């Protein structure tokens, strides 16, 4: 399998995480807001809308490969922030829940690493960037 095909598969797999998550956050904005309020975030409704829109739009941009390098860096930072806010130190008093949150934090860190690699590699030729429609085009 060629480089561009692997980059396409990578983008598809990332999009499978973020597009549905963003859509679900927006479709159940009350539940998303309640979750963020439970984490103690200020302005949980604004955080819910912002997170849902960011995940949906950024996931779609990764899917089509538009502005991939920039969006991948933003999503990498988002994953670190989301992992820290949502999972670091959570589950105290319940060993199973604490382990679950620790694993989720590690997953977020790993996904961030994948986004850093995608930012370095670019979207590949089978993308909007590869066709010269965006900055950082990478047609190899």
N, C-alpha and C. Protein backbone atom coordinates (compact mmCIF):
# COMPACT_ATOMS: atom_id res chain seq x y z
N UNK A 1 0.87 -1.17 0.00
CA UNK A 1 0.00 0.00 0.00
C UNK A 1 0.91 1.23 0.00
N UNK A 2 0.59 2.17 -0.86
CA UNK A 2 1.40 3.37 -0.99
C UNK A 2 1.20 4.37 0.13
N UNK A 3 2.11 5.35 0.14
CA UNK A 3 2.09 6.38 1.18
C UNK A 3 0.77 7.13 1.23
N UNK A 4 0.28 7.57 0.08
CA UNK A 4 -0.98 8.33 0.05
C UNK A 4 -2.15 7.48 0.50
N UNK A 5 -2.14 6.20 0.17
CA UNK A 5 -3.22 5.31 0.62
C UNK A 5 -3.19 5.15 2.13
N UNK A 6 -2.00 5.00 2.70
CA UNK A 6 -1.90 4.88 4.17
C UNK A 6 -2.31 6.18 4.86
N UNK A 7 -1.96 7.31 4.28
CA UNK A 7 -2.37 8.58 4.87
C UNK A 7 -3.89 8.75 4.78
N UNK A 8 -4.49 8.29 3.69
CA UNK A 8 -5.94 8.33 3.57
C UNK A 8 -6.59 7.46 4.65
N UNK A 9 -6.09 6.25 4.83
CA UNK A 9 -6.63 5.36 5.87
C UNK A 9 -6.47 6.01 7.25
N UNK A 10 -5.31 6.61 7.49
CA UNK A 10 -5.08 7.30 8.76
C UNK A 10 -6.10 8.40 8.98
N UNK A 11 -6.35 9.21 7.95
CA UNK A 11 -7.32 10.29 8.06
C UNK A 11 -8.73 9.75 8.29
N UNK A 12 -9.07 8.67 7.62
CA UNK A 12 -10.39 8.06 7.81
C UNK A 12 -10.57 7.57 9.25
N UNK A 13 -9.54 6.93 9.79
CA UNK A 13 -9.62 6.42 11.16
C UNK A 13 -9.72 7.55 12.18
N UNK A 14 -9.01 8.63 11.97
CA UNK A 14 -9.15 9.78 12.86
C UNK A 14 -10.54 10.38 12.75
N UNK A 15 -11.05 10.48 11.53
CA UNK A 15 -12.38 11.06 11.33
C UNK A 15 -13.46 10.23 12.01
N UNK A 16 -13.29 8.90 12.03
CA UNK A 16 -14.26 8.02 12.69
C UNK A 16 -14.36 8.34 14.18
N UNK A 17 -13.30 8.85 14.76
CA UNK A 17 -13.34 9.24 16.17
C UNK A 17 -14.05 10.57 16.37
N UNK A 18 -13.73 11.55 15.54
CA UNK A 18 -14.12 12.92 15.84
C UNK A 18 -15.44 13.36 15.21
N UNK A 19 -15.76 12.93 14.02
CA UNK A 19 -17.02 13.36 13.39
C UNK A 19 -18.22 12.87 14.19
N UNK A 20 -18.32 11.57 14.51
CA UNK A 20 -19.47 11.13 15.32
C UNK A 20 -19.49 11.75 16.71
N UNK A 21 -18.32 11.91 17.32
CA UNK A 21 -18.27 12.50 18.66
C UNK A 21 -18.80 13.94 18.65
N UNK A 22 -18.37 14.71 17.66
CA UNK A 22 -18.86 16.08 17.55
C UNK A 22 -20.35 16.12 17.28
N UNK A 23 -20.81 15.25 16.39
CA UNK A 23 -22.24 15.20 16.08
C UNK A 23 -23.05 14.82 17.32
N UNK A 24 -22.59 13.82 18.07
CA UNK A 24 -23.30 13.39 19.28
C UNK A 24 -23.32 14.48 20.33
N UNK A 25 -22.20 15.19 20.48
CA UNK A 25 -22.16 16.29 21.45
C UNK A 25 -23.18 17.36 21.11
N UNK A 26 -23.31 17.67 19.83
CA UNK A 26 -24.26 18.70 19.39
C UNK A 26 -25.70 18.20 19.43
N UNK A 27 -25.90 16.93 19.12
CA UNK A 27 -27.25 16.36 19.12
C UNK A 27 -27.82 16.25 20.54
N UNK A 28 -26.93 16.11 21.52
CA UNK A 28 -27.36 16.03 22.93
C UNK A 28 -26.64 17.14 23.70
N UNK A 29 -26.87 18.37 23.30
CA UNK A 29 -26.16 19.49 23.88
C UNK A 29 -26.43 19.63 25.38
N UNK A 30 -27.64 19.26 25.82
CA UNK A 30 -27.95 19.33 27.25
C UNK A 30 -27.09 18.34 28.05
N UNK A 31 -26.95 17.13 27.53
CA UNK A 31 -26.12 16.13 28.20
C UNK A 31 -24.64 16.52 28.19
N UNK A 32 -24.19 17.06 27.06
CA UNK A 32 -22.80 17.49 26.95
C UNK A 32 -22.53 18.64 27.92
N UNK A 33 -23.47 19.57 27.99
CA UNK A 33 -23.33 20.69 28.92
C UNK A 33 -23.29 20.19 30.36
N UNK A 34 -24.14 19.24 30.69
CA UNK A 34 -24.18 18.67 32.03
C UNK A 34 -22.85 17.98 32.36
N UNK A 35 -22.30 17.28 31.40
CA UNK A 35 -21.00 16.61 31.60
C UNK A 35 -19.92 17.63 31.92
N UNK A 36 -19.85 18.70 31.13
CA UNK A 36 -18.84 19.73 31.35
C UNK A 36 -19.06 20.46 32.67
N UNK A 37 -20.31 20.66 33.04
CA UNK A 37 -20.60 21.28 34.34
C UNK A 37 -20.11 20.37 35.46
N UNK A 38 -20.29 19.07 35.31
CA UNK A 38 -19.83 18.11 36.30
C UNK A 38 -18.32 18.09 36.46
N UNK A 39 -17.61 18.47 35.39
CA UNK A 39 -16.15 18.57 35.46
C UNK A 39 -15.70 19.88 36.11
N UNK A 40 -16.67 20.77 36.35
CA UNK A 40 -16.33 22.05 36.97
C UNK A 40 -15.85 23.10 36.00
N UNK A 41 -16.10 22.90 34.71
CA UNK A 41 -15.66 23.89 33.72
C UNK A 41 -16.53 25.14 33.80
N UNK A 42 -15.91 26.31 33.67
CA UNK A 42 -16.71 27.53 33.60
C UNK A 42 -17.43 27.58 32.26
N UNK A 43 -18.59 28.18 32.22
CA UNK A 43 -19.39 28.31 31.00
C UNK A 43 -19.55 26.96 30.28
N UNK A 44 -20.13 25.98 30.96
CA UNK A 44 -20.21 24.64 30.37
C UNK A 44 -21.00 24.58 29.07
N UNK A 45 -22.01 25.43 28.90
CA UNK A 45 -22.77 25.42 27.63
C UNK A 45 -21.88 25.88 26.49
N UNK A 46 -21.10 26.92 26.72
CA UNK A 46 -20.18 27.40 25.69
C UNK A 46 -19.12 26.35 25.38
N UNK A 47 -18.61 25.69 26.42
CA UNK A 47 -17.64 24.61 26.22
C UNK A 47 -18.25 23.46 25.43
N UNK A 48 -19.51 23.13 25.70
CA UNK A 48 -20.18 22.04 24.99
C UNK A 48 -20.34 22.37 23.52
N UNK A 49 -20.85 23.55 23.22
CA UNK A 49 -21.01 23.96 21.82
C UNK A 49 -19.66 24.05 21.11
N UNK A 50 -18.69 24.67 21.76
CA UNK A 50 -17.37 24.82 21.15
C UNK A 50 -16.71 23.49 20.88
N UNK A 51 -16.79 22.58 21.85
CA UNK A 51 -16.18 21.26 21.68
C UNK A 51 -16.88 20.47 20.58
N UNK A 52 -18.20 20.46 20.61
CA UNK A 52 -18.94 19.72 19.58
C UNK A 52 -18.66 20.24 18.18
N UNK A 53 -18.70 21.55 18.01
CA UNK A 53 -18.41 22.14 16.69
C UNK A 53 -16.97 21.88 16.27
N UNK A 54 -16.04 22.04 17.21
CA UNK A 54 -14.63 21.80 16.88
C UNK A 54 -14.40 20.36 16.44
N UNK A 55 -14.92 19.40 17.21
CA UNK A 55 -14.73 18.00 16.84
C UNK A 55 -15.34 17.68 15.48
N UNK A 56 -16.54 18.17 15.24
CA UNK A 56 -17.21 17.89 13.97
C UNK A 56 -16.47 18.53 12.79
N UNK A 57 -16.18 19.81 12.88
CA UNK A 57 -15.54 20.51 11.77
C UNK A 57 -14.11 20.02 11.55
N UNK A 58 -13.35 19.89 12.64
CA UNK A 58 -11.97 19.43 12.50
C UNK A 58 -11.93 17.99 11.97
N UNK A 59 -12.86 17.16 12.43
CA UNK A 59 -12.92 15.79 11.92
C UNK A 59 -13.22 15.73 10.43
N UNK A 60 -14.12 16.60 9.97
CA UNK A 60 -14.43 16.66 8.54
C UNK A 60 -13.25 17.18 7.73
N UNK A 61 -12.55 18.17 8.27
CA UNK A 61 -11.37 18.70 7.57
C UNK A 61 -10.28 17.63 7.45
N UNK A 62 -10.08 16.85 8.51
CA UNK A 62 -9.11 15.74 8.45
C UNK A 62 -9.57 14.71 7.43
N UNK A 63 -10.86 14.41 7.41
CA UNK A 63 -11.40 13.42 6.49
C UNK A 63 -11.10 13.78 5.04
N UNK A 64 -11.36 15.02 4.65
CA UNK A 64 -11.12 15.41 3.26
C UNK A 64 -9.69 15.85 3.01
N UNK A 65 -8.93 16.02 4.09
CA UNK A 65 -7.53 16.40 3.93
C UNK A 65 -7.34 17.86 3.57
N UNK A 66 -8.11 18.72 4.20
CA UNK A 66 -8.00 20.16 3.94
C UNK A 66 -7.38 20.85 5.16
N UNK A 67 -6.29 21.58 4.91
CA UNK A 67 -5.55 22.25 5.99
C UNK A 67 -5.10 21.23 7.05
N UNK A 68 -4.70 20.08 6.55
CA UNK A 68 -4.44 18.92 7.41
C UNK A 68 -3.37 19.17 8.46
N UNK A 69 -2.27 19.79 8.07
CA UNK A 69 -1.17 19.98 9.02
C UNK A 69 -1.61 20.85 10.20
N UNK A 70 -2.29 21.93 9.91
CA UNK A 70 -2.74 22.85 10.96
C UNK A 70 -3.81 22.17 11.83
N UNK A 71 -4.79 21.55 11.18
CA UNK A 71 -5.88 20.91 11.92
C UNK A 71 -5.35 19.75 12.78
N UNK A 72 -4.38 19.00 12.26
CA UNK A 72 -3.80 17.90 13.03
C UNK A 72 -3.10 18.43 14.28
N UNK A 73 -2.40 19.54 14.16
CA UNK A 73 -1.76 20.14 15.34
C UNK A 73 -2.80 20.59 16.36
N UNK A 74 -3.87 21.21 15.87
CA UNK A 74 -4.93 21.65 16.77
C UNK A 74 -5.60 20.47 17.47
N UNK A 75 -5.87 19.41 16.72
CA UNK A 75 -6.49 18.23 17.31
C UNK A 75 -5.54 17.53 18.28
N UNK A 76 -4.25 17.54 17.99
CA UNK A 76 -3.28 16.97 18.93
C UNK A 76 -3.31 17.70 20.26
N UNK A 77 -3.32 19.03 20.21
CA UNK A 77 -3.42 19.82 21.43
C UNK A 77 -4.74 19.61 22.14
N UNK A 78 -5.81 19.50 21.35
CA UNK A 78 -7.14 19.24 21.91
C UNK A 78 -7.15 17.93 22.67
N UNK A 79 -6.54 16.89 22.11
CA UNK A 79 -6.52 15.58 22.77
C UNK A 79 -5.79 15.63 24.11
N UNK A 80 -4.68 16.34 24.16
CA UNK A 80 -3.93 16.47 25.42
C UNK A 80 -4.80 17.21 26.45
N UNK A 81 -5.39 18.32 26.03
CA UNK A 81 -6.23 19.11 26.94
C UNK A 81 -7.44 18.30 27.40
N UNK A 82 -8.12 17.63 26.47
CA UNK A 82 -9.30 16.84 26.82
C UNK A 82 -8.93 15.69 27.76
N UNK A 83 -7.81 15.04 27.51
CA UNK A 83 -7.37 13.96 28.38
C UNK A 83 -7.07 14.45 29.78
N UNK A 84 -6.40 15.57 29.87
CA UNK A 84 -6.07 16.12 31.19
C UNK A 84 -7.34 16.55 31.93
N UNK A 85 -8.20 17.30 31.26
CA UNK A 85 -9.42 17.81 31.91
C UNK A 85 -10.38 16.67 32.25
N UNK A 86 -10.55 15.74 31.34
CA UNK A 86 -11.57 14.71 31.52
C UNK A 86 -11.12 13.47 32.25
N UNK A 87 -9.80 13.21 32.32
CA UNK A 87 -9.38 11.92 32.86
C UNK A 87 -8.31 11.98 33.94
N UNK A 88 -7.46 13.00 33.94
CA UNK A 88 -6.35 13.03 34.90
C UNK A 88 -6.88 13.14 36.32
N UNK A 89 -6.52 12.16 37.15
CA UNK A 89 -6.90 12.17 38.55
C UNK A 89 -8.36 11.81 38.81
N UNK A 90 -9.09 11.39 37.80
CA UNK A 90 -10.50 11.03 37.98
C UNK A 90 -10.62 9.60 38.51
N UNK A 91 -11.72 9.34 39.18
CA UNK A 91 -12.03 8.00 39.64
C UNK A 91 -11.47 7.66 41.00
N UNK A 92 -11.03 8.67 41.74
CA UNK A 92 -10.47 8.41 43.07
C UNK A 92 -11.50 7.67 43.93
N UNK A 93 -11.02 6.71 44.69
CA UNK A 93 -11.90 5.95 45.56
C UNK A 93 -12.45 4.69 44.91
N UNK A 94 -12.35 4.58 43.61
CA UNK A 94 -12.83 3.39 42.90
C UNK A 94 -11.69 2.94 41.98
N UNK A 95 -11.02 1.85 42.35
CA UNK A 95 -9.84 1.41 41.62
C UNK A 95 -10.14 1.11 40.15
N UNK A 96 -11.29 0.53 39.88
CA UNK A 96 -11.65 0.20 38.50
C UNK A 96 -11.86 1.48 37.68
N UNK A 97 -12.58 2.42 38.26
CA UNK A 97 -12.83 3.68 37.57
C UNK A 97 -11.53 4.47 37.38
N UNK A 98 -10.66 4.45 38.38
CA UNK A 98 -9.37 5.14 38.27
C UNK A 98 -8.53 4.54 37.15
N UNK A 99 -8.53 3.20 37.03
CA UNK A 99 -7.81 2.53 35.96
C UNK A 99 -8.40 2.91 34.60
N UNK A 100 -9.70 2.92 34.51
CA UNK A 100 -10.36 3.30 33.26
C UNK A 100 -9.94 4.71 32.83
N UNK A 101 -9.96 5.65 33.77
CA UNK A 101 -9.57 7.03 33.44
C UNK A 101 -8.09 7.12 33.06
N UNK A 102 -7.26 6.33 33.73
CA UNK A 102 -5.84 6.33 33.39
C UNK A 102 -5.65 5.83 31.96
N UNK A 103 -6.36 4.76 31.60
CA UNK A 103 -6.27 4.22 30.24
C UNK A 103 -6.80 5.23 29.21
N UNK A 104 -7.87 5.92 29.54
CA UNK A 104 -8.42 6.92 28.62
C UNK A 104 -7.44 8.08 28.44
N UNK A 105 -6.76 8.49 29.50
CA UNK A 105 -5.75 9.53 29.39
C UNK A 105 -4.61 9.07 28.47
N UNK A 106 -4.16 7.85 28.64
CA UNK A 106 -3.09 7.32 27.79
C UNK A 106 -3.55 7.23 26.33
N UNK A 107 -4.82 6.87 26.11
CA UNK A 107 -5.37 6.83 24.76
C UNK A 107 -5.33 8.22 24.13
N UNK A 108 -5.72 9.22 24.89
CA UNK A 108 -5.70 10.59 24.37
C UNK A 108 -4.29 11.05 24.04
N UNK A 109 -3.32 10.67 24.87
CA UNK A 109 -1.93 11.01 24.59
C UNK A 109 -1.45 10.32 23.32
N UNK A 110 -1.82 9.05 23.15
CA UNK A 110 -1.43 8.32 21.95
C UNK A 110 -2.05 8.91 20.69
N UNK A 111 -3.31 9.28 20.76
CA UNK A 111 -3.98 9.91 19.61
C UNK A 111 -3.27 11.22 19.27
N UNK A 112 -2.88 11.96 20.29
CA UNK A 112 -2.14 13.20 20.06
C UNK A 112 -0.85 12.93 19.30
N UNK A 113 -0.16 11.86 19.66
CA UNK A 113 1.05 11.48 18.93
C UNK A 113 0.76 11.16 17.47
N UNK A 114 -0.34 10.48 17.23
CA UNK A 114 -0.73 10.21 15.85
C UNK A 114 -1.00 11.48 15.06
N UNK A 115 -1.62 12.45 15.71
CA UNK A 115 -1.87 13.73 15.04
C UNK A 115 -0.57 14.48 14.76
N UNK A 116 0.40 14.38 15.66
CA UNK A 116 1.70 15.01 15.39
C UNK A 116 2.36 14.37 14.17
N UNK A 117 2.26 13.05 14.05
CA UNK A 117 2.81 12.36 12.88
C UNK A 117 2.08 12.78 11.61
N UNK A 118 0.75 12.91 11.68
CA UNK A 118 -0.01 13.35 10.51
C UNK A 118 0.35 14.79 10.15
N UNK A 119 0.56 15.63 11.15
CA UNK A 119 0.96 17.01 10.87
C UNK A 119 2.31 17.05 10.15
N UNK A 120 3.21 16.17 10.53
CA UNK A 120 4.52 16.11 9.89
C UNK A 120 4.42 15.54 8.47
N UNK A 121 3.63 14.50 8.30
CA UNK A 121 3.54 13.81 7.01
C UNK A 121 2.69 14.57 6.00
N UNK A 122 1.69 15.29 6.47
CA UNK A 122 0.74 15.91 5.56
C UNK A 122 -0.34 14.93 5.17
N UNK A 123 -1.27 15.39 4.36
CA UNK A 123 -2.44 14.58 4.02
C UNK A 123 -2.20 13.58 2.91
N UNK A 124 -1.17 13.76 2.13
CA UNK A 124 -0.92 12.87 0.99
C UNK A 124 -1.62 13.37 -0.26
N UNK A 125 -1.36 12.69 -1.35
CA UNK A 125 -1.89 13.11 -2.65
C UNK A 125 -3.40 12.95 -2.76
N UNK A 126 -3.96 12.00 -2.03
CA UNK A 126 -5.40 11.75 -2.10
C UNK A 126 -6.12 12.60 -1.08
N UNK A 127 -6.03 13.90 -1.26
CA UNK A 127 -6.61 14.84 -0.31
C UNK A 127 -6.80 16.19 -0.99
N UNK A 128 -7.56 17.05 -0.34
CA UNK A 128 -7.71 18.42 -0.86
C UNK A 128 -6.36 19.14 -0.82
N UNK A 129 -5.59 18.94 0.23
CA UNK A 129 -4.26 19.56 0.30
C UNK A 129 -3.37 19.07 -0.83
N UNK A 130 -3.41 17.79 -1.11
CA UNK A 130 -2.58 17.19 -2.14
C UNK A 130 -2.93 17.66 -3.54
N UNK A 131 -4.10 18.19 -3.68
CA UNK A 131 -4.54 18.72 -4.98
C UNK A 131 -4.26 20.22 -5.09
N UNK A 132 -3.59 20.77 -4.08
CA UNK A 132 -3.20 22.17 -4.14
C UNK A 132 -4.28 23.14 -3.67
N UNK A 133 -5.34 22.62 -3.04
CA UNK A 133 -6.42 23.50 -2.59
C UNK A 133 -6.13 24.16 -1.24
N UNK A 134 -5.16 23.62 -0.51
CA UNK A 134 -4.88 24.16 0.81
C UNK A 134 -3.41 24.45 0.99
N UNK A 135 -3.08 25.08 2.09
CA UNK A 135 -1.68 25.34 2.36
C UNK A 135 -1.01 24.06 2.82
N UNK A 136 0.29 23.99 2.64
CA UNK A 136 1.03 22.81 3.08
C UNK A 136 0.72 21.60 2.24
N UNK A 137 0.41 21.81 0.95
CA UNK A 137 0.08 20.70 0.08
C UNK A 137 1.24 19.71 0.03
N UNK A 138 0.89 18.45 0.02
CA UNK A 138 1.89 17.39 0.01
C UNK A 138 1.41 16.33 -0.98
N UNK A 139 1.90 16.40 -2.18
CA UNK A 139 1.40 15.53 -3.25
C UNK A 139 2.20 14.26 -3.41
N UNK A 140 2.99 13.88 -2.41
CA UNK A 140 3.77 12.65 -2.55
C UNK A 140 3.01 11.46 -2.04
